[in-house]
Amino acid sequence: MADRETIIETRGSSFPAILAGIVFAVVVVLGVLWFLNNSGGGSRTVDVDVPAVTVDVKPDGQ
């Protein structure tokens, strides 16, 4: 977590912070889905349709 905070505090370009946020969000979502899948003792499968997410990263003109 210290590395992530360092990335967010870095000035100059917002891209590393955006990328770190996206990666963190994906990891959290996958962790929740894995937990839901395995909480039923393996007898129950959770099928989740994840819509395609398009992320437009625009440079902030620095």
PDB file of N, CA and C in Angstrom:
ATOM      1  N   MET A   1       0.830  -1.204   0.000  1.00  0.00           N
ATOM      2  CA  MET A   1       0.000   0.000   0.000  1.00  0.00           C
ATOM      3  C   MET A   1       0.861   1.248   0.000  1.00  0.00           C
ATOM      4  N   ALA A   2       2.064   1.134   0.562  1.00  0.00           N
ATOM      5  CA  ALA A   2       2.955   2.299   0.579  1.00  0.00           C
ATOM      6  C   ALA A   2       3.343   2.685  -0.846  1.00  0.00           C
ATOM      7  N   ASP A   3       3.565   1.670  -1.693  1.00  0.00           N
ATOM      8  CA  ASP A   3       3.930   1.961  -3.079  1.00  0.00           C
ATOM      9  C   ASP A   3       2.790   2.665  -3.807  1.00  0.00           C
ATOM     10  N   ARG A   4       1.572   2.235  -3.542  1.00  0.00           N
ATOM     11  CA  ARG A   4       0.426   2.841  -4.218  1.00  0.00           C
ATOM     12  C   ARG A   4       0.267   4.292  -3.775  1.00  0.00           C
ATOM     13  N   GLU A   5       0.463   4.558  -2.500  1.00  0.00           N
ATOM     14  CA  GLU A   5       0.358   5.933  -2.012  1.00  0.00           C
ATOM     15  C   GLU A   5       1.446   6.804  -2.627  1.00  0.00           C
ATOM     16  N   THR A   6       2.636   6.240  -2.776  1.00  0.00           N
ATOM     17  CA  THR A   6       3.731   6.993  -3.383  1.00  0.00           C
ATOM     18  C   THR A   6       3.392   7.349  -4.824  1.00  0.00           C
ATOM     19  N   ILE A   7       2.806   6.397  -5.552  1.00  0.00           N
ATOM     20  CA  ILE A   7       2.437   6.657  -6.941  1.00  0.00           C
ATOM     21  C   ILE A   7       1.396   7.770  -7.011  1.00  0.00           C
ATOM     22  N   ILE A   8       0.408   7.719  -6.128  1.00  0.00           N
ATOM     23  CA  ILE A   8      -0.654   8.719  -6.156  1.00  0.00           C
ATOM     24  C   ILE A   8      -0.098  10.095  -5.809  1.00  0.00           C
ATOM     25  N   GLU A   9       0.893  10.154  -4.908  1.00  0.00           N
ATOM     26  CA  GLU A   9       1.437  11.442  -4.490  1.00  0.00           C
ATOM     27  C   GLU A   9       2.398  12.026  -5.524  1.00  0.00           C
ATOM     28  N   THR A  10       2.809  11.229  -6.492  1.00  0.00           N
ATOM     29  CA  THR A  10       3.758  11.711  -7.493  1.00  0.00           C
ATOM     30  C   THR A  10       3.086  12.734  -8.397  1.00  0.00           C
ATOM     31  N   ARG A  11       3.731  13.862  -8.574  1.00  0.00           N
ATOM     32  CA  ARG A  11       3.197  14.914  -9.436  1.00  0.00           C
ATOM     33  C   ARG A  11       3.828  14.806 -10.829  1.00  0.00           C
ATOM     34  N   GLY A  12       3.218  15.501 -11.802  1.00  0.00           N
ATOM     35  CA  GLY A  12       3.778  15.523 -13.150  1.00  0.00           C
ATOM     36  C   GLY A  12       2.806  14.937 -14.146  1.00  0.00           C
ATOM     37  N   SER A  13       2.413  13.682 -13.934  1.00  0.00           N
ATOM     38  CA  SER A  13       1.457  13.060 -14.836  1.00  0.00           C
ATOM     39  C   SER A  13       0.432  12.322 -14.004  1.00  0.00           C
ATOM     40  N   SER A  14      -0.831  12.407 -14.416  1.00  0.00           N
ATOM     41  CA  SER A  14      -1.891  11.738 -13.668  1.00  0.00           C
ATOM     42  C   SER A  14      -2.064  10.294 -14.125  1.00  0.00           C
ATOM     43  N   PHE A  15      -1.346   9.889 -15.180  1.00  0.00           N
ATOM     44  CA  PHE A  15      -1.540   8.544 -15.722  1.00  0.00           C
ATOM     45  C   PHE A  15      -1.183   7.440 -14.722  1.00  0.00           C
ATOM     46  N   PRO A  16      -0.058   7.528 -13.993  1.00  0.00           N
ATOM     47  CA  PRO A  16       0.245   6.454 -13.025  1.00  0.00           C
ATOM     48  C   PRO A  16      -0.836   6.302 -11.962  1.00  0.00           C
ATOM     49  N   ALA A  17      -1.378   7.408 -11.486  1.00  0.00           N
ATOM     50  CA  ALA A  17      -2.422   7.333 -10.464  1.00  0.00           C
ATOM     51  C   ALA A  17      -3.693   6.717 -11.034  1.00  0.00           C
ATOM     52  N   ILE A  18      -4.042   7.087 -12.261  1.00  0.00           N
ATOM     53  CA  ILE A  18      -5.230   6.521 -12.911  1.00  0.00           C
ATOM     54  C   ILE A  18      -5.039   5.020 -13.115  1.00  0.00           C
ATOM     55  N   LEU A  19      -3.849   4.642 -13.593  1.00  0.00           N
ATOM     56  CA  LEU A  19      -3.570   3.231 -13.843  1.00  0.00           C
ATOM     57  C   LEU A  19      -3.613   2.437 -12.543  1.00  0.00           C
ATOM     58  N   ALA A  20      -3.031   2.990 -11.483  1.00  0.00           N
ATOM     59  CA  ALA A  20      -3.042   2.308 -10.187  1.00  0.00           C
ATOM     60  C   ALA A  20      -4.473   2.144  -9.678  1.00  0.00           C
ATOM     61  N   GLY A  21      -5.290   3.169  -9.881  1.00  0.00           N
ATOM     62  CA  GLY A  21      -6.680   3.087  -9.447  1.00  0.00           C
ATOM     63  C   GLY A  21      -7.454   2.021 -10.200  1.00  0.00           C
ATOM     64  N   ILE A  22      -7.218   1.942 -11.509  1.00  0.00           N
ATOM     65  CA  ILE A  22      -7.903   0.936 -12.328  1.00  0.00           C
ATOM     66  C   ILE A  22      -7.482  -0.468 -11.903  1.00  0.00           C
ATOM     67  N   VAL A  23      -6.168  -0.669 -11.733  1.00  0.00           N
ATOM     68  CA  VAL A  23      -5.660  -1.986 -11.338  1.00  0.00           C
ATOM     69  C   VAL A  23      -6.224  -2.378  -9.973  1.00  0.00           C
ATOM     70  N   PHE A  24      -6.235  -1.418  -9.036  1.00  0.00           N
ATOM     71  CA  PHE A  24      -6.753  -1.695  -7.697  1.00  0.00           C
ATOM     72  C   PHE A  24      -8.233  -2.089  -7.757  1.00  0.00           C
ATOM     73  N   ALA A  25      -9.007  -1.373  -8.570  1.00  0.00           N
ATOM     74  CA  ALA A  25     -10.436  -1.663  -8.691  1.00  0.00           C
ATOM     75  C   ALA A  25     -10.665  -3.051  -9.284  1.00  0.00           C
ATOM     76  N   VAL A  26      -9.872  -3.401 -10.303  1.00  0.00           N
ATOM     77  CA  VAL A  26     -10.015  -4.719 -10.933  1.00  0.00           C
ATOM     78  C   VAL A  26      -9.690  -5.822  -9.929  1.00  0.00           C
ATOM     79  N   VAL A  27      -8.624  -5.611  -9.143  1.00  0.00           N
ATOM     80  CA  VAL A  27      -8.238  -6.617  -8.149  1.00  0.00           C
ATOM     81  C   VAL A  27      -9.347  -6.795  -7.109  1.00  0.00           C
ATOM     82  N   VAL A  28      -9.943  -5.697  -6.670  1.00  0.00           N
ATOM     83  CA  VAL A  28     -11.028  -5.778  -5.686  1.00  0.00           C
ATOM     84  C   VAL A  28     -12.224  -6.533  -6.264  1.00  0.00           C
ATOM     85  N   VAL A  29     -12.597  -6.205  -7.506  1.00  0.00           N
ATOM     86  CA  VAL A  29     -13.746  -6.870  -8.133  1.00  0.00           C
ATOM     87  C   VAL A  29     -13.486  -8.366  -8.293  1.00  0.00           C
ATOM     88  N   LEU A  30     -12.291  -8.724  -8.756  1.00  0.00           N
ATOM     89  CA  LEU A  30     -11.971 -10.140  -8.927  1.00  0.00           C
ATOM     90  C   LEU A  30     -11.966 -10.859  -7.585  1.00  0.00           C
ATOM     91  N   GLY A  31     -11.466 -10.192  -6.548  1.00  0.00           N
ATOM     92  CA  GLY A  31     -11.455 -10.789  -5.217  1.00  0.00           C
ATOM     93  C   GLY A  31     -12.867 -11.059  -4.712  1.00  0.00           C
ATOM     94  N   VAL A  32     -13.773 -10.107  -4.935  1.00  0.00           N
ATOM     95  CA  VAL A  32     -15.163 -10.273  -4.504  1.00  0.00           C
ATOM     96  C   VAL A  32     -15.826 -11.407  -5.279  1.00  0.00           C
ATOM     97  N   LEU A  33     -15.600 -11.460  -6.592  1.00  0.00           N
ATOM     98  CA  LEU A  33     -16.205 -12.524  -7.400  1.00  0.00           C
ATOM     99  C   LEU A  33     -15.662 -13.888  -6.993  1.00  0.00           C
ATOM    100  N   TRP A  34     -14.349 -13.960  -6.704  1.00  0.00           N
ATOM    101  CA  TRP A  34     -13.750 -15.225  -6.274  1.00  0.00           C
ATOM    102  C   TRP A  34     -14.367 -15.669  -4.954  1.00  0.00           C
ATOM    103  N   PHE A  35     -14.549 -14.710  -4.039  1.00  0.00           N
ATOM    104  CA  PHE A  35     -15.147 -15.035  -2.741  1.00  0.00           C
ATOM    105  C   PHE A  35     -16.580 -15.540  -2.917  1.00  0.00           C
ATOM    106  N   LEU A  36     -17.350 -14.876  -3.771  1.00  0.00           N
ATOM    107  CA  LEU A  36     -18.732 -15.304  -4.004  1.00  0.00           C
ATOM    108  C   LEU A  36     -18.767 -16.694  -4.633  1.00  0.00           C
ATOM    109  N   ASN A  37     -17.835 -16.960  -5.535  1.00  0.00           N
ATOM    110  CA  ASN A  37     -17.792 -18.258  -6.201  1.00  0.00           C
ATOM    111  C   ASN A  37     -17.461 -19.376  -5.221  1.00  0.00           C
ATOM    112  N   ASN A  38     -16.582 -19.103  -4.260  1.00  0.00           N
ATOM    113  CA  ASN A  38     -16.096 -20.150  -3.372  1.00  0.00           C
ATOM    114  C   ASN A  38     -16.846 -20.212  -2.048  1.00  0.00           C
ATOM    115  N   SER A  39     -17.740 -19.268  -1.793  1.00  0.00           N
ATOM    116  CA  SER A  39     -18.440 -19.251  -0.511  1.00  0.00           C
ATOM    117  C   SER A  39     -19.552 -20.296  -0.462  1.00  0.00           C
ATOM    118  N   GLY A  40     -19.923 -20.851  -1.612  1.00  0.00           N
ATOM    119  CA  GLY A  40     -21.001 -21.838  -1.646  1.00  0.00           C
ATOM    120  C   GLY A  40     -20.500 -23.262  -1.531  1.00  0.00           C
ATOM    121  N   GLY A  41     -19.239 -23.448  -1.165  1.00  0.00           N
ATOM    122  CA  GLY A  41     -18.693 -24.787  -1.021  1.00  0.00           C
ATOM    123  C   GLY A  41     -18.426 -25.454  -2.356  1.00  0.00           C
ATOM    124  N   GLY A  42     -18.381 -24.680  -3.426  1.00  0.00           N
ATOM    125  CA  GLY A  42     -18.068 -25.220  -4.741  1.00  0.00           C
ATOM    126  C   GLY A  42     -19.280 -25.790  -5.457  1.00  0.00           C
ATOM    127  N   SER A  43     -20.434 -25.845  -4.781  1.00  0.00           N
ATOM    128  CA  SER A  43     -21.622 -26.412  -5.412  1.00  0.00           C
ATOM    129  C   SER A  43     -22.412 -25.353  -6.171  1.00  0.00           C
ATOM    130  N   ARG A  44     -22.043 -24.104  -5.964  1.00  0.00           N
ATOM    131  CA  ARG A  44     -22.817 -23.012  -6.561  1.00  0.00           C
ATOM    132  C   ARG A  44     -21.874 -22.123  -7.360  1.00  0.00           C
ATOM    133  N   THR A  45     -22.261 -21.799  -8.569  1.00  0.00           N
ATOM    134  CA  THR A  45     -21.434 -20.950  -9.421  1.00  0.00           C
ATOM    135  C   THR A  45     -22.169 -19.646  -9.673  1.00  0.00           C
ATOM    136  N   VAL A  46     -21.457 -18.550  -9.483  1.00  0.00           N
ATOM    137  CA  VAL A  46     -22.047 -17.241  -9.725  1.00  0.00           C
ATOM    138  C   VAL A  46     -21.622 -16.779 -11.112  1.00  0.00           C
ATOM    139  N   ASP A  47     -22.579 -16.678 -12.015  1.00  0.00           N
ATOM    140  CA  ASP A  47     -22.282 -16.197 -13.358  1.00  0.00           C
ATOM    141  C   ASP A  47     -22.563 -14.703 -13.415  1.00  0.00           C
ATOM    142  N   VAL A  48     -21.524 -13.942 -13.640  1.00  0.00           N
ATOM    143  CA  VAL A  48     -21.663 -12.492 -13.674  1.00  0.00           C
ATOM    144  C   VAL A  48     -21.296 -12.010 -15.064  1.00  0.00           C
ATOM    145  N   ASP A  49     -22.221 -11.303 -15.701  1.00  0.00           N
ATOM    146  CA  ASP A  49     -21.926 -10.706 -16.998  1.00  0.00           C
ATOM    147  C   ASP A  49     -21.307  -9.339 -16.765  1.00  0.00           C
ATOM    148  N   VAL A  50     -20.016  -9.236 -17.078  1.00  0.00           N
ATOM    149  CA  VAL A  50     -19.314  -7.973 -16.875  1.00  0.00           C
ATOM    150  C   VAL A  50     -19.342  -7.200 -18.184  1.00  0.00           C
ATOM    151  N   PRO A  51     -19.975  -6.033 -18.199  1.00  0.00           N
ATOM    152  CA  PRO A  51     -20.002  -5.237 -19.429  1.00  0.00           C
ATOM    153  C   PRO A  51     -18.604  -4.755 -19.793  1.00  0.00           C
ATOM    154  N   ALA A  52     -18.370  -4.598 -21.076  1.00  0.00           N
ATOM    155  CA  ALA A  52     -17.071  -4.115 -21.528  1.00  0.00           C
ATOM    156  C   ALA A  52     -16.917  -2.661 -21.100  1.00  0.00           C
ATOM    157  N   VAL A  53     -15.816  -2.386 -20.422  1.00  0.00           N
ATOM    158  CA  VAL A  53     -15.568  -1.033 -19.931  1.00  0.00           C
ATOM    159  C   VAL A  53     -14.466  -0.412 -20.773  1.00  0.00           C
ATOM    160  N   THR A  54     -14.773   0.704 -21.396  1.00  0.00           N
ATOM    161  CA  THR A  54     -13.778   1.415 -22.192  1.00  0.00           C
ATOM    162  C   THR A  54     -13.284   2.610 -21.393  1.00  0.00           C
ATOM    163  N   VAL A  55     -11.979   2.655 -21.196  1.00  0.00           N
ATOM    164  CA  VAL A  55     -11.394   3.747 -20.417  1.00  0.00           C
ATOM    165  C   VAL A  55     -10.618   4.640 -21.369  1.00  0.00           C
ATOM    166  N   ASP A  56     -11.060   5.882 -21.489  1.00  0.00           N
ATOM    167  CA  ASP A  56     -10.360   6.848 -22.328  1.00  0.00           C
ATOM    168  C   ASP A  56      -9.441   7.674 -21.444  1.00  0.00           C
ATOM    169  N   VAL A  57      -8.133   7.481 -21.603  1.00  0.00           N
ATOM    170  CA  VAL A  57      -7.164   8.238 -20.814  1.00  0.00           C
ATOM    171  C   VAL A  57      -6.691   9.404 -21.661  1.00  0.00           C
ATOM    172  N   LYS A  58      -7.036  10.604 -21.237  1.00  0.00           N
ATOM    173  CA  LYS A  58      -6.653  11.797 -21.989  1.00  0.00           C
ATOM    174  C   LYS A  58      -5.487  12.481 -21.288  1.00  0.00           C
ATOM    175  N   PRO A  59      -4.419  12.779 -22.012  1.00  0.00           N
ATOM    176  CA  PRO A  59      -3.317  13.528 -21.398  1.00  0.00           C
ATOM    177  C   PRO A  59      -3.793  14.911 -20.986  1.00  0.00           C
ATOM    178  N   ASP A  60      -3.286  15.382 -19.838  1.00  0.00           N
ATOM    179  CA  ASP A  60      -3.758  16.657 -19.318  1.00  0.00           C
ATOM    180  C   ASP A  60      -2.943  17.833 -19.836  1.00  0.00           C
ATOM    181  N   GLY A  61      -2.252  17.639 -20.950  1.00  0.00           N
ATOM    182  CA  GLY A  61      -1.640  18.756 -21.668  1.00  0.00           C
ATOM    183  C   GLY A  61      -0.456  19.395 -20.972  1.00  0.00           C
ATOM    184  N   GLN A  62       0.301  18.611 -20.216  1.00  0.00           N
ATOM    185  CA  GLN A  62       1.472  19.191 -19.549  1.00  0.00           C
ATOM    186  C   GLN A  62       2.676  19.127 -20.464  1.00  0.00           C
TER     187      GLN A  62
END
